Amino acid sequence: MKRRRAPQPDTLTPREWEVLSLLSDGLTTGEIAKRHGVAENTVEAELKDIFSKLEIGGRTAAARLSRS
């Protein structure tokens, strides 16, 4: 069985923390993109990177993690 390491908060960039915060506030990908002045695809890529770095499965887990 592969052991998961604990997420390392210092692995996220300030921008990724901001995206994670907006996600936990309930903003959609489109709303986050509009707020940052980027395409939705860009936000989706940022979210994918965040999920990978934190070794989590998706938006719900990310929102829970950022609130803890």
PDB file of N, CA and C in Angstrom:
ATOM      1  N   MET A   1       0.837  -1.178   0.000  1.00  0.00           N
ATOM      2  CA  MET A   1       0.000   0.000   0.000  1.00  0.00           C
ATOM      3  C   MET A   1       0.885   1.245   0.000  1.00  0.00           C
ATOM      4  N   LYS A   2       0.633   2.151  -0.929  1.00  0.00           N
ATOM      5  CA  LYS A   2       1.411   3.378  -1.020  1.00  0.00           C
ATOM      6  C   LYS A   2       0.969   4.353   0.065  1.00  0.00           C
ATOM      7  N   ARG A   3       1.933   4.860   0.777  1.00  0.00           N
ATOM      8  CA  ARG A   3       1.642   5.808   1.840  1.00  0.00           C
ATOM      9  C   ARG A   3       1.648   7.219   1.296  1.00  0.00           C
ATOM     10  N   ARG A   4       0.618   7.981   1.599  1.00  0.00           N
ATOM     11  CA  ARG A   4       0.551   9.379   1.158  1.00  0.00           C
ATOM     12  C   ARG A   4       1.275  10.257   2.155  1.00  0.00           C
ATOM     13  N   ARG A   5       2.025  11.201   1.626  1.00  0.00           N
ATOM     14  CA  ARG A   5       2.660  12.157   2.518  1.00  0.00           C
ATOM     15  C   ARG A   5       1.681  13.289   2.788  1.00  0.00           C
ATOM     16  N   ALA A   6       1.854  13.953   3.889  1.00  0.00           N
ATOM     17  CA  ALA A   6       0.981  15.072   4.233  1.00  0.00           C
ATOM     18  C   ALA A   6       1.199  16.205   3.238  1.00  0.00           C
ATOM     19  N   PRO A   7       0.140  16.900   2.852  1.00  0.00           N
ATOM     20  CA  PRO A   7       0.303  18.035   1.942  1.00  0.00           C
ATOM     21  C   PRO A   7       1.245  19.076   2.544  1.00  0.00           C
ATOM     22  N   GLN A   8       2.065  19.648   1.715  1.00  0.00           N
ATOM     23  CA  GLN A   8       3.015  20.658   2.145  1.00  0.00           C
ATOM     24  C   GLN A   8       2.541  22.034   1.672  1.00  0.00           C
ATOM     25  N   PRO A   9       1.996  22.854   2.562  1.00  0.00           N
ATOM     26  CA  PRO A   9       1.458  24.146   2.155  1.00  0.00           C
ATOM     27  C   PRO A   9       2.469  25.040   1.455  1.00  0.00           C
ATOM     28  N   ASP A  10       3.751  24.899   1.783  1.00  0.00           N
ATOM     29  CA  ASP A  10       4.758  25.759   1.174  1.00  0.00           C
ATOM     30  C   ASP A  10       5.041  25.384  -0.279  1.00  0.00           C
ATOM     31  N   THR A  11       4.400  24.330  -0.778  1.00  0.00           N
ATOM     32  CA  THR A  11       4.609  23.954  -2.173  1.00  0.00           C
ATOM     33  C   THR A  11       3.741  24.769  -3.111  1.00  0.00           C
ATOM     34  N   LEU A  12       2.753  25.484  -2.578  1.00  0.00           N
ATOM     35  CA  LEU A  12       1.886  26.299  -3.430  1.00  0.00           C
ATOM     36  C   LEU A  12       2.455  27.697  -3.592  1.00  0.00           C
ATOM     37  N   THR A  13       2.254  28.246  -4.777  1.00  0.00           N
ATOM     38  CA  THR A  13       2.661  29.624  -5.021  1.00  0.00           C
ATOM     39  C   THR A  13       1.615  30.555  -4.418  1.00  0.00           C
ATOM     40  N   PRO A  14       1.959  31.830  -4.240  1.00  0.00           N
ATOM     41  CA  PRO A  14       0.948  32.775  -3.743  1.00  0.00           C
ATOM     42  C   PRO A  14      -0.300  32.807  -4.642  1.00  0.00           C
ATOM     43  N   ARG A  15      -0.112  32.725  -5.929  1.00  0.00           N
ATOM     44  CA  ARG A  15      -1.245  32.716  -6.855  1.00  0.00           C
ATOM     45  C   ARG A  15      -2.114  31.479  -6.628  1.00  0.00           C
ATOM     46  N   GLU A  16      -1.486  30.321  -6.431  1.00  0.00           N
ATOM     47  CA  GLU A  16      -2.244  29.097  -6.183  1.00  0.00           C
ATOM     48  C   GLU A  16      -3.023  29.197  -4.874  1.00  0.00           C
ATOM     49  N   TRP A  17      -2.428  29.811  -3.849  1.00  0.00           N
ATOM     50  CA  TRP A  17      -3.152  30.009  -2.591  1.00  0.00           C
ATOM     51  C   TRP A  17      -4.368  30.896  -2.816  1.00  0.00           C
ATOM     52  N   GLU A  18      -4.212  31.910  -3.639  1.00  0.00           N
ATOM     53  CA  GLU A  18      -5.331  32.809  -3.929  1.00  0.00           C
ATOM     54  C   GLU A  18      -6.444  32.064  -4.654  1.00  0.00           C
ATOM     55  N   VAL A  19      -6.084  31.266  -5.649  1.00  0.00           N
ATOM     56  CA  VAL A  19      -7.072  30.475  -6.380  1.00  0.00           C
ATOM     57  C   VAL A  19      -7.764  29.509  -5.430  1.00  0.00           C
ATOM     58  N   LEU A  20      -7.007  28.869  -4.569  1.00  0.00           N
ATOM     59  CA  LEU A  20      -7.579  27.936  -3.598  1.00  0.00           C
ATOM     60  C   LEU A  20      -8.542  28.651  -2.650  1.00  0.00           C
ATOM     61  N   SER A  21      -8.182  29.842  -2.237  1.00  0.00           N
ATOM     62  CA  SER A  21      -9.045  30.621  -1.360  1.00  0.00           C
ATOM     63  C   SER A  21     -10.357  30.981  -2.059  1.00  0.00           C
ATOM     64  N   LEU A  22     -10.264  31.403  -3.308  1.00  0.00           N
ATOM     65  CA  LEU A  22     -11.470  31.746  -4.068  1.00  0.00           C
ATOM     66  C   LEU A  22     -12.344  30.512  -4.271  1.00  0.00           C
ATOM     67  N   LEU A  23     -11.711  29.388  -4.510  1.00  0.00           N
ATOM     68  CA  LEU A  23     -12.438  28.131  -4.665  1.00  0.00           C
ATOM     69  C   LEU A  23     -13.195  27.801  -3.377  1.00  0.00           C
ATOM     70  N   SER A  24     -12.525  27.966  -2.252  1.00  0.00           N
ATOM     71  CA  SER A  24     -13.172  27.644  -0.978  1.00  0.00           C
ATOM     72  C   SER A  24     -14.283  28.634  -0.634  1.00  0.00           C
ATOM     73  N   ASP A  25     -14.222  29.816  -1.228  1.00  0.00           N
ATOM     74  CA  ASP A  25     -15.294  30.804  -1.056  1.00  0.00           C
ATOM     75  C   ASP A  25     -16.501  30.484  -1.932  1.00  0.00           C
ATOM     76  N   GLY A  26     -16.373  29.443  -2.754  1.00  0.00           N
ATOM     77  CA  GLY A  26     -17.496  28.999  -3.569  1.00  0.00           C
ATOM     78  C   GLY A  26     -17.533  29.540  -4.983  1.00  0.00           C
ATOM     79  N   LEU A  27     -16.467  30.224  -5.413  1.00  0.00           N
ATOM     80  CA  LEU A  27     -16.445  30.754  -6.771  1.00  0.00           C
ATOM     81  C   LEU A  27     -16.273  29.625  -7.781  1.00  0.00           C
ATOM     82  N   THR A  28     -16.895  29.788  -8.924  1.00  0.00           N
ATOM     83  CA  THR A  28     -16.753  28.832 -10.009  1.00  0.00           C
ATOM     84  C   THR A  28     -15.452  29.094 -10.753  1.00  0.00           C
ATOM     85  N   THR A  29     -15.094  28.168 -11.605  1.00  0.00           N
ATOM     86  CA  THR A  29     -13.899  28.348 -12.435  1.00  0.00           C
ATOM     87  C   THR A  29     -14.026  29.626 -13.263  1.00  0.00           C
ATOM     88  N   GLY A  30     -15.203  29.854 -13.829  1.00  0.00           N
ATOM     89  CA  GLY A  30     -15.440  31.055 -14.635  1.00  0.00           C
ATOM     90  C   GLY A  30     -15.303  32.330 -13.828  1.00  0.00           C
ATOM     91  N   GLU A  31     -15.803  32.319 -12.600  1.00  0.00           N
ATOM     92  CA  GLU A  31     -15.707  33.503 -11.743  1.00  0.00           C
ATOM     93  C   GLU A  31     -14.264  33.777 -11.341  1.00  0.00           C
ATOM     94  N   ILE A  32     -13.520  32.719 -11.050  1.00  0.00           N
ATOM     95  CA  ILE A  32     -12.104  32.884 -10.710  1.00  0.00           C
ATOM     96  C   ILE A  32     -11.345  33.435 -11.919  1.00  0.00           C
ATOM     97  N   ALA A  33     -11.632  32.894 -13.086  1.00  0.00           N
ATOM     98  CA  ALA A  33     -10.977  33.360 -14.316  1.00  0.00           C
ATOM     99  C   ALA A  33     -11.257  34.835 -14.560  1.00  0.00           C
ATOM    100  N   LYS A  34     -12.502  35.229 -14.397  1.00  0.00           N
ATOM    101  CA  LYS A  34     -12.873  36.634 -14.621  1.00  0.00           C
ATOM    102  C   LYS A  34     -12.158  37.537 -13.631  1.00  0.00           C
ATOM    103  N   ARG A  35     -12.102  37.109 -12.390  1.00  0.00           N
ATOM    104  CA  ARG A  35     -11.443  37.918 -11.361  1.00  0.00           C
ATOM    105  C   ARG A  35      -9.956  38.097 -11.659  1.00  0.00           C
ATOM    106  N   HIS A  36      -9.327  37.068 -12.239  1.00  0.00           N
ATOM    107  CA  HIS A  36      -7.892  37.133 -12.541  1.00  0.00           C
ATOM    108  C   HIS A  36      -7.598  37.626 -13.955  1.00  0.00           C
ATOM    109  N   GLY A  37      -8.639  37.779 -14.760  1.00  0.00           N
ATOM    110  CA  GLY A  37      -8.427  38.260 -16.125  1.00  0.00           C
ATOM    111  C   GLY A  37      -7.743  37.230 -17.009  1.00  0.00           C
ATOM    112  N   VAL A  38      -8.069  35.952 -16.781  1.00  0.00           N
ATOM    113  CA  VAL A  38      -7.479  34.866 -17.576  1.00  0.00           C
ATOM    114  C   VAL A  38      -8.584  33.969 -18.112  1.00  0.00           C
ATOM    115  N   ALA A  39      -8.216  33.056 -18.990  1.00  0.00           N
ATOM    116  CA  ALA A  39      -9.175  32.104 -19.550  1.00  0.00           C
ATOM    117  C   ALA A  39      -9.511  31.028 -18.514  1.00  0.00           C
ATOM    118  N   GLU A  40     -10.706  30.457 -18.652  1.00  0.00           N
ATOM    119  CA  GLU A  40     -11.116  29.367 -17.757  1.00  0.00           C
ATOM    120  C   GLU A  40     -10.138  28.198 -17.830  1.00  0.00           C
ATOM    121  N   ASN A  41      -9.590  27.941 -19.017  1.00  0.00           N
ATOM    122  CA  ASN A  41      -8.615  26.854 -19.165  1.00  0.00           C
ATOM    123  C   ASN A  41      -7.390  27.080 -18.290  1.00  0.00           C
ATOM    124  N   THR A  42      -7.007  28.332 -18.131  1.00  0.00           N
ATOM    125  CA  THR A  42      -5.863  28.659 -17.282  1.00  0.00           C
ATOM    126  C   THR A  42      -6.164  28.305 -15.833  1.00  0.00           C
ATOM    127  N   VAL A  43      -7.350  28.661 -15.380  1.00  0.00           N
ATOM    128  CA  VAL A  43      -7.744  28.346 -14.001  1.00  0.00           C
ATOM    129  C   VAL A  43      -7.840  26.834 -13.820  1.00  0.00           C
ATOM    130  N   GLU A  44      -8.393  26.144 -14.793  1.00  0.00           N
ATOM    131  CA  GLU A  44      -8.482  24.687 -14.707  1.00  0.00           C
ATOM    132  C   GLU A  44      -7.098  24.059 -14.582  1.00  0.00           C
ATOM    133  N   ALA A  45      -6.126  24.593 -15.325  1.00  0.00           N
ATOM    134  CA  ALA A  45      -4.753  24.087 -15.235  1.00  0.00           C
ATOM    135  C   ALA A  45      -4.156  24.387 -13.861  1.00  0.00           C
ATOM    136  N   GLU A  46      -4.425  25.590 -13.340  1.00  0.00           N
ATOM    137  CA  GLU A  46      -3.936  25.941 -12.007  1.00  0.00           C
ATOM    138  C   GLU A  46      -4.540  25.011 -10.948  1.00  0.00           C
ATOM    139  N   LEU A  47      -5.836  24.741 -11.073  1.00  0.00           N
ATOM    140  CA  LEU A  47      -6.489  23.838 -10.120  1.00  0.00           C
ATOM    141  C   LEU A  47      -5.897  22.440 -10.199  1.00  0.00           C
ATOM    142  N   LYS A  48      -5.644  21.979 -11.406  1.00  0.00           N
ATOM    143  CA  LYS A  48      -5.044  20.656 -11.576  1.00  0.00           C
ATOM    144  C   LYS A  48      -3.684  20.594 -10.877  1.00  0.00           C
ATOM    145  N   ASP A  49      -2.891  21.655 -11.026  1.00  0.00           N
ATOM    146  CA  ASP A  49      -1.584  21.712 -10.366  1.00  0.00           C
ATOM    147  C   ASP A  49      -1.736  21.717  -8.844  1.00  0.00           C
ATOM    148  N   ILE A  50      -2.709  22.481  -8.344  1.00  0.00           N
ATOM    149  CA  ILE A  50      -2.952  22.546  -6.902  1.00  0.00           C
ATOM    150  C   ILE A  50      -3.337  21.165  -6.377  1.00  0.00           C
ATOM    151  N   PHE A  51      -4.277  20.506  -7.058  1.00  0.00           N
ATOM    152  CA  PHE A  51      -4.724  19.189  -6.625  1.00  0.00           C
ATOM    153  C   PHE A  51      -3.555  18.203  -6.606  1.00  0.00           C
ATOM    154  N   SER A  52      -2.708  18.291  -7.616  1.00  0.00           N
ATOM    155  CA  SER A  52      -1.561  17.398  -7.700  1.00  0.00           C
ATOM    156  C   SER A  52      -0.568  17.667  -6.570  1.00  0.00           C
ATOM    157  N   LYS A  53      -0.242  18.932  -6.352  1.00  0.00           N
ATOM    158  CA  LYS A  53       0.717  19.284  -5.308  1.00  0.00           C
ATOM    159  C   LYS A  53       0.230  18.874  -3.924  1.00  0.00           C
ATOM    160  N   LEU A  54      -1.070  19.018  -3.689  1.00  0.00           N
ATOM    161  CA  LEU A  54      -1.623  18.694  -2.383  1.00  0.00           C
ATOM    162  C   LEU A  54      -2.083  17.247  -2.279  1.00  0.00           C
ATOM    163  N   GLU A  55      -1.960  16.534  -3.401  1.00  0.00           N
ATOM    164  CA  GLU A  55      -2.350  15.124  -3.468  1.00  0.00           C
ATOM    165  C   GLU A  55      -3.796  14.917  -3.018  1.00  0.00           C
ATOM    166  N   ILE A  56      -4.672  15.699  -3.629  1.00  0.00           N
ATOM    167  CA  ILE A  56      -6.103  15.590  -3.348  1.00  0.00           C
ATOM    168  C   ILE A  56      -6.858  15.352  -4.637  1.00  0.00           C
ATOM    169  N   GLY A  57      -8.102  14.921  -4.499  1.00  0.00           N
ATOM    170  CA  GLY A  57      -8.867  14.484  -5.653  1.00  0.00           C
ATOM    171  C   GLY A  57      -9.662  15.538  -6.390  1.00  0.00           C
ATOM    172  N   GLY A  58      -9.908  16.683  -5.805  1.00  0.00           N
ATOM    173  CA  GLY A  58     -10.712  17.642  -6.533  1.00  0.00           C
ATOM    174  C   GLY A  58     -11.143  18.843  -5.715  1.00  0.00           C
ATOM    175  N   ARG A  59     -12.116  19.559  -6.258  1.00  0.00           N
ATOM    176  CA  ARG A  59     -12.567  20.828  -5.701  1.00  0.00           C
ATOM    177  C   ARG A  59     -13.059  20.721  -4.261  1.00  0.00           C
ATOM    178  N   THR A  60     -13.861  19.706  -3.980  1.00  0.00           N
ATOM    179  CA  THR A  60     -14.431  19.573  -2.641  1.00  0.00           C
ATOM    180  C   THR A  60     -13.336  19.348  -1.602  1.00  0.00           C
ATOM    181  N   ALA A  61     -12.415  18.464  -1.910  1.00  0.00           N
ATOM    182  CA  ALA A  61     -11.304  18.196  -0.993  1.00  0.00           C
ATOM    183  C   ALA A  61     -10.434  19.437  -0.823  1.00  0.00           C
ATOM    184  N   ALA A  62     -10.223  20.174  -1.889  1.00  0.00           N
ATOM    185  CA  ALA A  62      -9.410  21.392  -1.823  1.00  0.00           C
ATOM    186  C   ALA A  62     -10.085  22.437  -0.948  1.00  0.00           C
ATOM    187  N   ALA A  63     -11.381  22.597  -1.118  1.00  0.00           N
ATOM    188  CA  ALA A  63     -12.115  23.584  -0.317  1.00  0.00           C
ATOM    189  C   ALA A  63     -12.072  23.192   1.162  1.00  0.00           C
ATOM    190  N   ARG A  64     -12.227  21.911   1.455  1.00  0.00           N
ATOM    191  CA  ARG A  64     -12.161  21.454   2.847  1.00  0.00           C
ATOM    192  C   ARG A  64     -10.774  21.697   3.435  1.00  0.00           C
ATOM    193  N   LEU A  65      -9.758  21.398   2.644  1.00  0.00           N
ATOM    194  CA  LEU A  65      -8.378  21.557   3.117  1.00  0.00           C
ATOM    195  C   LEU A  65      -8.076  23.019   3.414  1.00  0.00           C
ATOM    196  N   SER A  66      -8.517  23.910   2.550  1.00  0.00           N
ATOM    197  CA  SER A  66      -8.181  25.323   2.735  1.00  0.00           C
ATOM    198  C   SER A  66      -8.905  25.927   3.923  1.00  0.00           C
ATOM    199  N   ARG A  67      -9.980  25.299   4.386  1.00  0.00           N
ATOM    200  CA  ARG A  67     -10.715  25.802   5.541  1.00  0.00           C
ATOM    201  C   ARG A  67     -10.184  25.250   6.852  1.00  0.00           C
ATOM    202  N   SER A  68      -9.338  24.223   6.772  1.00  0.00           N
ATOM    203  CA  SER A  68      -8.839  23.612   8.015  1.00  0.00           C
ATOM    204  C   SER A  68      -7.616  24.317   8.545  1.00  0.00           C
TER     205      SER A  68
END
